[in-house]
Amino acid sequence: MDSQYMPEGAYGGGLGGDAFDPFAYIYKPRTWVRGLCFGISLFLTISTSKTIHETGCAFGPTSLCSAMKFFSIFALVLSILLIILDVLFNKLTSVSKRKKAILAEGGLTGGIVFMFFMTFFVCAIRWAAMDENPPNTSAVNSSLFLLFLAVAAWGSSGFFVFENYKEGVQINFASGYIDPDQGIPNQFAPNQSGTDGILDGPEDSYQTQQQEQYLRLDE
């Protein structure tokens, strides 16, 4: 599909096929949120590794520390993939593909926010219920603080995803754009009988009636 038919700014990107502008990308607020998600996920991965000591997990069950470490690594990898998606987003010349990418990002971001929130909630309750402090108190405090920041950062990322999706829908509706990759609707599909459906217009119906009248006169 030619990029000139794509509405500008569809789903937070430029025209399809435009080159990536690193300077314009750096000044976008969404880019700073991407950086925060990456940095917080990186430090959270390091911090959660220190919550597992010789006697077990600082929060109680070892599975809880393992799950928190897995979530942080998953968020770190996802933040890197989202940055790569931002770089390659303008190369998506199909609006339907951009829409799918935004929806996938929104689903993954919402899942990350939910996992971090539940982990923070469970860890905070277990930490408050402990009578004795574990050996790595600083690691536990930093992990809880980073979990709270991760919820805020990834929640902000989800807000930008929602804004991009809403902007894309509004632009497509206002411009009347129809993505050719979605195919032709059934009501506009050609008749299976070939060109017969095209000739069934008002003029052809009038000619048919005139011919029938002539035949009656001849009889």
C-alpha atoms as a PDB file:
ATOM      1  CA  MET A   1       0.000   0.000   0.000  1.00  0.00           C
ATOM      2  CA  ASP A   2       1.283   3.432  -0.872  1.00  0.00           C
ATOM      3  CA  SER A   3       2.058   5.481   2.230  1.00  0.00           C
ATOM      4  CA  GLN A   4       0.445   8.601   0.771  1.00  0.00           C
ATOM      5  CA  TYR A   5      -3.010   7.129   1.409  1.00  0.00           C
ATOM      6  CA  MET A   6      -2.342   6.588   5.109  1.00  0.00           C
ATOM      7  CA  PRO A   7      -3.565   9.364   7.420  1.00  0.00           C
ATOM      8  CA  GLU A   8      -0.694  11.208   9.057  1.00  0.00           C
ATOM      9  CA  GLY A   9      -0.261  10.431  12.735  1.00  0.00           C
ATOM     10  CA  ALA A  10      -2.155   7.138  12.592  1.00  0.00           C
ATOM     11  CA  TYR A  11      -1.827   5.454  16.004  1.00  0.00           C
ATOM     12  CA  GLY A  12       0.944   7.750  17.175  1.00  0.00           C
ATOM     13  CA  GLY A  13       3.230   7.343  14.158  1.00  0.00           C
ATOM     14  CA  GLY A  14       4.081   9.308  11.050  1.00  0.00           C
ATOM     15  CA  LEU A  15       3.308   8.506   7.456  1.00  0.00           C
ATOM     16  CA  GLY A  16       3.948   4.921   6.446  1.00  0.00           C
ATOM     17  CA  GLY A  17       7.491   4.431   5.184  1.00  0.00           C
ATOM     18  CA  ASP A  18       8.912   7.592   6.773  1.00  0.00           C
ATOM     19  CA  ALA A  19      12.470   7.412   8.052  1.00  0.00           C
ATOM     20  CA  PHE A  20      13.048   7.230  11.791  1.00  0.00           C
ATOM     21  CA  ASP A  21      13.952  10.601  13.309  1.00  0.00           C
ATOM     22  CA  PRO A  22      15.962   9.991  16.514  1.00  0.00           C
ATOM     23  CA  PHE A  23      15.893  13.651  17.588  1.00  0.00           C
ATOM     24  CA  ALA A  24      12.111  13.895  17.325  1.00  0.00           C
ATOM     25  CA  TYR A  25      11.802  10.558  19.125  1.00  0.00           C
ATOM     26  CA  ILE A  26      13.940  11.677  22.058  1.00  0.00           C
ATOM     27  CA  TYR A  27      11.759  14.715  22.743  1.00  0.00           C
ATOM     28  CA  LYS A  28       8.538  12.700  22.934  1.00  0.00           C
ATOM     29  CA  PRO A  29       7.137  12.186  26.474  1.00  0.00           C
ATOM     30  CA  ARG A  30       6.472   8.554  25.642  1.00  0.00           C
ATOM     31  CA  THR A  31      10.199   8.055  25.056  1.00  0.00           C
ATOM     32  CA  TRP A  32      11.013   9.227  28.581  1.00  0.00           C
ATOM     33  CA  VAL A  33       8.431   6.828  29.955  1.00  0.00           C
ATOM     34  CA  ARG A  34      10.044   4.036  27.921  1.00  0.00           C
ATOM     35  CA  GLY A  35      13.384   4.921  29.497  1.00  0.00           C
ATOM     36  CA  LEU A  36      11.876   4.894  32.984  1.00  0.00           C
ATOM     37  CA  CYS A  37      10.321   1.478  32.393  1.00  0.00           C
ATOM     38  CA  PHE A  38      13.648   0.125  31.182  1.00  0.00           C
ATOM     39  CA  GLY A  39      15.675   1.598  34.049  1.00  0.00           C
ATOM     40  CA  ILE A  40      13.240   0.600  36.781  1.00  0.00           C
ATOM     41  CA  SER A  41      12.921  -2.934  35.383  1.00  0.00           C
ATOM     42  CA  LEU A  42      16.709  -3.229  35.212  1.00  0.00           C
ATOM     43  CA  PHE A  43      17.275  -2.122  38.813  1.00  0.00           C
ATOM     44  CA  LEU A  44      14.341  -4.227  39.978  1.00  0.00           C
ATOM     45  CA  THR A  45      15.919  -7.301  38.394  1.00  0.00           C
ATOM     46  CA  ILE A  46      19.144  -6.612  40.288  1.00  0.00           C
ATOM     47  CA  SER A  47      17.347  -5.846  43.548  1.00  0.00           C
ATOM     48  CA  THR A  48      15.133  -8.937  43.496  1.00  0.00           C
ATOM     49  CA  SER A  49      18.196 -11.133  43.082  1.00  0.00           C
ATOM     50  CA  LYS A  50      19.421  -9.896  46.463  1.00  0.00           C
ATOM     51  CA  THR A  51      16.172 -10.767  48.243  1.00  0.00           C
ATOM     52  CA  ILE A  52      17.062 -14.453  48.003  1.00  0.00           C
ATOM     53  CA  HIS A  53      19.607 -15.265  50.718  1.00  0.00           C
ATOM     54  CA  GLU A  54      20.963 -18.451  52.246  1.00  0.00           C
ATOM     55  CA  THR A  55      17.903 -19.115  54.402  1.00  0.00           C
ATOM     56  CA  GLY A  56      15.450 -18.546  51.551  1.00  0.00           C
ATOM     57  CA  CYS A  57      13.321 -15.712  50.256  1.00  0.00           C
ATOM     58  CA  ALA A  58      13.190 -12.516  52.304  1.00  0.00           C
ATOM     59  CA  PHE A  59       9.419 -12.318  51.843  1.00  0.00           C
ATOM     60  CA  GLY A  60       8.720 -15.909  52.853  1.00  0.00           C
ATOM     61  CA  PRO A  61       8.073 -18.484  50.110  1.00  0.00           C
ATOM     62  CA  THR A  62      10.885 -18.908  47.602  1.00  0.00           C
ATOM     63  CA  SER A  63       8.319 -19.007  44.815  1.00  0.00           C
ATOM     64  CA  LEU A  64       7.366 -15.396  45.599  1.00  0.00           C
ATOM     65  CA  CYS A  65      10.912 -14.133  45.065  1.00  0.00           C
ATOM     66  CA  SER A  66      11.240 -16.275  41.944  1.00  0.00           C
ATOM     67  CA  ALA A  67       8.009 -14.874  40.533  1.00  0.00           C
ATOM     68  CA  MET A  68       9.087 -11.301  41.280  1.00  0.00           C
ATOM     69  CA  LYS A  69      12.408 -11.918  39.548  1.00  0.00           C
ATOM     70  CA  PHE A  70      10.646 -13.439  36.531  1.00  0.00           C
ATOM     71  CA  PHE A  71       8.260 -10.472  36.264  1.00  0.00           C
ATOM     72  CA  SER A  72      11.113  -7.989  36.418  1.00  0.00           C
ATOM     73  CA  ILE A  73      13.101  -9.807  33.720  1.00  0.00           C
ATOM     74  CA  PHE A  74      10.000 -10.070  31.546  1.00  0.00           C
ATOM     75  CA  ALA A  75       9.354  -6.327  31.961  1.00  0.00           C
ATOM     76  CA  LEU A  76      12.987  -5.562  31.097  1.00  0.00           C
ATOM     77  CA  VAL A  77      12.814  -7.576  27.877  1.00  0.00           C
ATOM     78  CA  LEU A  78       9.431  -6.058  26.997  1.00  0.00           C
ATOM     79  CA  SER A  79      10.733  -2.511  27.475  1.00  0.00           C
ATOM     80  CA  ILE A  80      13.557  -3.243  25.024  1.00  0.00           C
ATOM     81  CA  LEU A  81      11.135  -4.721  22.485  1.00  0.00           C
ATOM     82  CA  LEU A  82       8.864  -1.682  22.778  1.00  0.00           C
ATOM     83  CA  ILE A  83      11.773   0.654  22.041  1.00  0.00           C
ATOM     84  CA  ILE A  84      12.551  -1.413  18.937  1.00  0.00           C
ATOM     85  CA  LEU A  85       8.870  -1.208  17.980  1.00  0.00           C
ATOM     86  CA  ASP A  86       9.011   2.591  18.235  1.00  0.00           C
ATOM     87  CA  VAL A  87      11.980   2.644  15.847  1.00  0.00           C
ATOM     88  CA  LEU A  88      10.257   0.395  13.309  1.00  0.00           C
ATOM     89  CA  PHE A  89       6.718   1.715  13.770  1.00  0.00           C
ATOM     90  CA  ASN A  90       6.761   4.083  10.777  1.00  0.00           C
ATOM     91  CA  LYS A  91       7.736   1.175   8.536  1.00  0.00           C
ATOM     92  CA  LEU A  92       4.326  -0.387   9.198  1.00  0.00           C
ATOM     93  CA  THR A  93       2.464   0.937   6.160  1.00  0.00           C
ATOM     94  CA  SER A  94      -0.782  -0.825   7.031  1.00  0.00           C
ATOM     95  CA  VAL A  95      -3.134   0.793   9.512  1.00  0.00           C
ATOM     96  CA  SER A  96      -4.484  -2.616  10.522  1.00  0.00           C
ATOM     97  CA  LYS A  97      -0.951  -3.766  11.445  1.00  0.00           C
ATOM     98  CA  ARG A  98      -0.394  -0.603  13.457  1.00  0.00           C
ATOM     99  CA  LYS A  99      -3.663  -1.188  15.250  1.00  0.00           C
ATOM    100  CA  LYS A 100      -2.686  -4.771  16.091  1.00  0.00           C
ATOM    101  CA  ALA A 101       0.705  -3.600  17.376  1.00  0.00           C
ATOM    102  CA  ILE A 102      -0.925  -0.990  19.614  1.00  0.00           C
ATOM    103  CA  LEU A 103      -3.472  -3.486  20.941  1.00  0.00           C
ATOM    104  CA  ALA A 104      -0.726  -6.038  21.650  1.00  0.00           C
ATOM    105  CA  GLU A 105       1.315  -3.390  23.451  1.00  0.00           C
ATOM    106  CA  GLY A 106      -1.713  -2.387  25.490  1.00  0.00           C
ATOM    107  CA  GLY A 107      -2.435  -5.971  26.512  1.00  0.00           C
ATOM    108  CA  LEU A 108       1.164  -6.685  27.546  1.00  0.00           C
ATOM    109  CA  THR A 109       1.473  -3.369  29.379  1.00  0.00           C
ATOM    110  CA  GLY A 110      -1.750  -4.002  31.270  1.00  0.00           C
ATOM    111  CA  GLY A 111      -0.503  -7.460  32.225  1.00  0.00           C
ATOM    112  CA  ILE A 112       2.784  -6.033  33.524  1.00  0.00           C
ATOM    113  CA  VAL A 113       0.961  -3.427  35.610  1.00  0.00           C
ATOM    114  CA  PHE A 114      -1.323  -6.068  37.104  1.00  0.00           C
ATOM    115  CA  MET A 115       1.548  -8.444  37.938  1.00  0.00           C
ATOM    116  CA  PHE A 116       3.659  -5.721  39.542  1.00  0.00           C
ATOM    117  CA  PHE A 117       0.723  -4.377  41.528  1.00  0.00           C
ATOM    118  CA  MET A 118      -0.222  -7.796  42.877  1.00  0.00           C
ATOM    119  CA  THR A 119       3.426  -8.588  43.690  1.00  0.00           C
ATOM    120  CA  PHE A 120       3.841  -5.285  45.519  1.00  0.00           C
ATOM    121  CA  PHE A 121       0.611  -5.850  47.433  1.00  0.00           C
ATOM    122  CA  VAL A 122       1.524  -9.393  48.529  1.00  0.00           C
ATOM    123  CA  CYS A 123       5.136  -8.563  49.370  1.00  0.00           C
ATOM    124  CA  ALA A 124       4.173  -5.481  51.368  1.00  0.00           C
ATOM    125  CA  ILE A 125       1.652  -7.455  53.446  1.00  0.00           C
ATOM    126  CA  ARG A 126       4.110 -10.274  54.138  1.00  0.00           C
ATOM    127  CA  TRP A 127       6.896  -7.828  54.982  1.00  0.00           C
ATOM    128  CA  ALA A 128       4.664  -5.934  57.432  1.00  0.00           C
ATOM    129  CA  ALA A 129       3.571  -9.181  59.106  1.00  0.00           C
ATOM    130  CA  MET A 130       7.124 -10.369  59.847  1.00  0.00           C
ATOM    131  CA  ASP A 131       8.274 -10.166  63.456  1.00  0.00           C
ATOM    132  CA  GLU A 132      11.972 -10.318  62.695  1.00  0.00           C
ATOM    133  CA  ASN A 133      13.755  -8.448  59.934  1.00  0.00           C
ATOM    134  CA  PRO A 134      15.594 -10.590  57.370  1.00  0.00           C
ATOM    135  CA  PRO A 135      19.336 -10.145  56.773  1.00  0.00           C
ATOM    136  CA  ASN A 136      18.905  -8.120  53.547  1.00  0.00           C
ATOM    137  CA  THR A 137      16.648  -5.374  54.819  1.00  0.00           C
ATOM    138  CA  SER A 138      17.949  -2.781  52.362  1.00  0.00           C
ATOM    139  CA  ALA A 139      17.326  -5.106  49.410  1.00  0.00           C
ATOM    140  CA  VAL A 140      13.753  -5.707  50.549  1.00  0.00           C
ATOM    141  CA  ASN A 141      13.034  -2.003  50.983  1.00  0.00           C
ATOM    142  CA  SER A 142      14.531  -1.160  47.603  1.00  0.00           C
ATOM    143  CA  SER A 143      12.560  -3.956  45.940  1.00  0.00           C
ATOM    144  CA  LEU A 144       9.281  -2.690  47.383  1.00  0.00           C
ATOM    145  CA  PHE A 145      10.102   0.875  46.373  1.00  0.00           C
ATOM    146  CA  LEU A 146      11.031  -0.187  42.834  1.00  0.00           C
ATOM    147  CA  LEU A 147       7.868  -2.273  42.562  1.00  0.00           C
ATOM    148  CA  PHE A 148       5.840   0.813  43.412  1.00  0.00           C
ATOM    149  CA  LEU A 149       7.731   2.860  40.812  1.00  0.00           C
ATOM    150  CA  ALA A 150       7.280   0.080  38.252  1.00  0.00           C
ATOM    151  CA  VAL A 151       3.507   0.184  38.691  1.00  0.00           C
ATOM    152  CA  ALA A 152       3.529   3.960  38.160  1.00  0.00           C
ATOM    153  CA  ALA A 153       5.900   3.856  35.167  1.00  0.00           C
ATOM    154  CA  TRP A 154       4.161   1.036  33.327  1.00  0.00           C
ATOM    155  CA  GLY A 155       0.801   2.564  34.150  1.00  0.00           C
ATOM    156  CA  SER A 156       1.966   5.780  32.476  1.00  0.00           C
ATOM    157  CA  SER A 157       3.099   3.731  29.493  1.00  0.00           C
ATOM    158  CA  GLY A 158      -0.366   2.213  29.296  1.00  0.00           C
ATOM    159  CA  PHE A 159      -1.869   5.705  29.320  1.00  0.00           C
ATOM    160  CA  PHE A 160       0.175   6.652  26.241  1.00  0.00           C
ATOM    161  CA  VAL A 161      -0.912   3.431  24.532  1.00  0.00           C
ATOM    162  CA  PHE A 162      -4.543   4.340  25.144  1.00  0.00           C
ATOM    163  CA  GLU A 163      -3.980   7.876  23.819  1.00  0.00           C
ATOM    164  CA  ASN A 164      -2.306   6.562  20.650  1.00  0.00           C
ATOM    165  CA  TYR A 165      -5.128   4.110  20.056  1.00  0.00           C
ATOM    166  CA  LYS A 166      -7.790   6.769  20.579  1.00  0.00           C
ATOM    167  CA  GLU A 167      -5.919   9.184  18.300  1.00  0.00           C
ATOM    168  CA  GLY A 168      -5.653   6.557  15.561  1.00  0.00           C
ATOM    169  CA  VAL A 169      -9.358   5.754  15.703  1.00  0.00           C
ATOM    170  CA  GLN A 170     -10.305   9.442  15.580  1.00  0.00           C
ATOM    171  CA  ILE A 171      -7.987  10.153  12.632  1.00  0.00           C
ATOM    172  CA  ASN A 172      -9.301   7.195  10.642  1.00  0.00           C
ATOM    173  CA  PHE A 173     -12.907   8.186  11.344  1.00  0.00           C
ATOM    174  CA  ALA A 174     -12.339  11.852  10.470  1.00  0.00           C
ATOM    175  CA  SER A 175     -10.462  11.133   7.246  1.00  0.00           C
ATOM    176  CA  GLY A 176     -12.789   8.325   6.141  1.00  0.00           C
ATOM    177  CA  TYR A 177      -9.775   6.076   5.621  1.00  0.00           C
ATOM    178  CA  ILE A 178     -10.363   2.413   4.760  1.00  0.00           C
ATOM    179  CA  ASP A 179      -7.364   0.131   4.933  1.00  0.00           C
ATOM    180  CA  PRO A 180      -7.032  -1.830   1.649  1.00  0.00           C
ATOM    181  CA  ASP A 181      -5.481  -4.739   3.562  1.00  0.00           C
ATOM    182  CA  GLN A 182      -8.821  -5.336   5.254  1.00  0.00           C
ATOM    183  CA  GLY A 183     -10.380  -6.215   1.912  1.00  0.00           C
ATOM    184  CA  ILE A 184     -13.543  -5.009   0.202  1.00  0.00           C
ATOM    185  CA  PRO A 185     -16.759  -5.256   2.251  1.00  0.00           C
ATOM    186  CA  ASN A 186     -19.287  -7.812   1.086  1.00  0.00           C
ATOM    187  CA  GLN A 187     -21.848  -5.216   0.094  1.00  0.00           C
ATOM    188  CA  PHE A 188     -19.389  -3.802  -2.445  1.00  0.00           C
ATOM    189  CA  ALA A 189     -18.211  -7.158  -3.784  1.00  0.00           C
ATOM    190  CA  PRO A 190     -18.896  -7.837  -7.488  1.00  0.00           C
ATOM    191  CA  ASN A 191     -21.792 -10.080  -8.452  1.00  0.00           C
ATOM    192  CA  GLN A 192     -20.885 -13.720  -8.979  1.00  0.00           C
ATOM    193  CA  SER A 193     -22.824 -13.741 -12.227  1.00  0.00           C
ATOM    194  CA  GLY A 194     -20.194 -11.521 -13.837  1.00  0.00           C
ATOM    195  CA  THR A 195     -21.438  -8.313 -15.423  1.00  0.00           C
ATOM    196  CA  ASP A 196     -25.123  -9.172 -15.091  1.00  0.00           C
ATOM    197  CA  GLY A 197     -25.397  -7.313 -11.826  1.00  0.00           C
ATOM    198  CA  ILE A 198     -23.946  -4.171 -13.412  1.00  0.00           C
ATOM    199  CA  LEU A 199     -26.512  -4.128 -16.232  1.00  0.00           C
ATOM    200  CA  ASP A 200     -29.484  -4.399 -13.894  1.00  0.00           C
ATOM    201  CA  GLY A 201     -29.846  -0.636 -13.602  1.00  0.00           C
ATOM    202  CA  PRO A 202     -32.901   1.604 -14.107  1.00  0.00           C
ATOM    203  CA  GLU A 203     -32.115   2.208 -17.812  1.00  0.00           C
ATOM    204  CA  ASP A 204     -31.927  -1.500 -18.597  1.00  0.00           C
ATOM    205  CA  SER A 205     -35.196  -2.124 -16.792  1.00  0.00           C
ATOM    206  CA  TYR A 206     -36.866   0.647 -18.840  1.00  0.00           C
ATOM    207  CA  GLN A 207     -35.559  -0.812 -22.125  1.00  0.00           C
ATOM    208  CA  THR A 208     -36.882  -4.236 -21.146  1.00  0.00           C
ATOM    209  CA  GLN A 209     -40.341  -2.800 -20.518  1.00  0.00           C
ATOM    210  CA  GLN A 210     -40.339  -1.008 -23.912  1.00  0.00           C
ATOM    211  CA  GLN A 211     -39.409  -4.222 -25.703  1.00  0.00           C
ATOM    212  CA  GLU A 212     -42.240  -6.061 -23.990  1.00  0.00           C
ATOM    213  CA  GLN A 213     -44.715  -3.349 -25.093  1.00  0.00           C
ATOM    214  CA  TYR A 214     -43.523  -3.592 -28.737  1.00  0.00           C
ATOM    215  CA  LEU A 215     -43.987  -7.344 -28.685  1.00  0.00           C
ATOM    216  CA  ARG A 216     -47.548  -6.927 -27.451  1.00  0.00           C
ATOM    217  CA  LEU A 217     -48.330  -4.433 -30.239  1.00  0.00           C
ATOM    218  CA  ASP A 218     -46.961  -6.769 -32.870  1.00  0.00           C
ATOM    219  CA  GLU A 219     -49.215  -9.511 -31.606  1.00  0.00           C
END
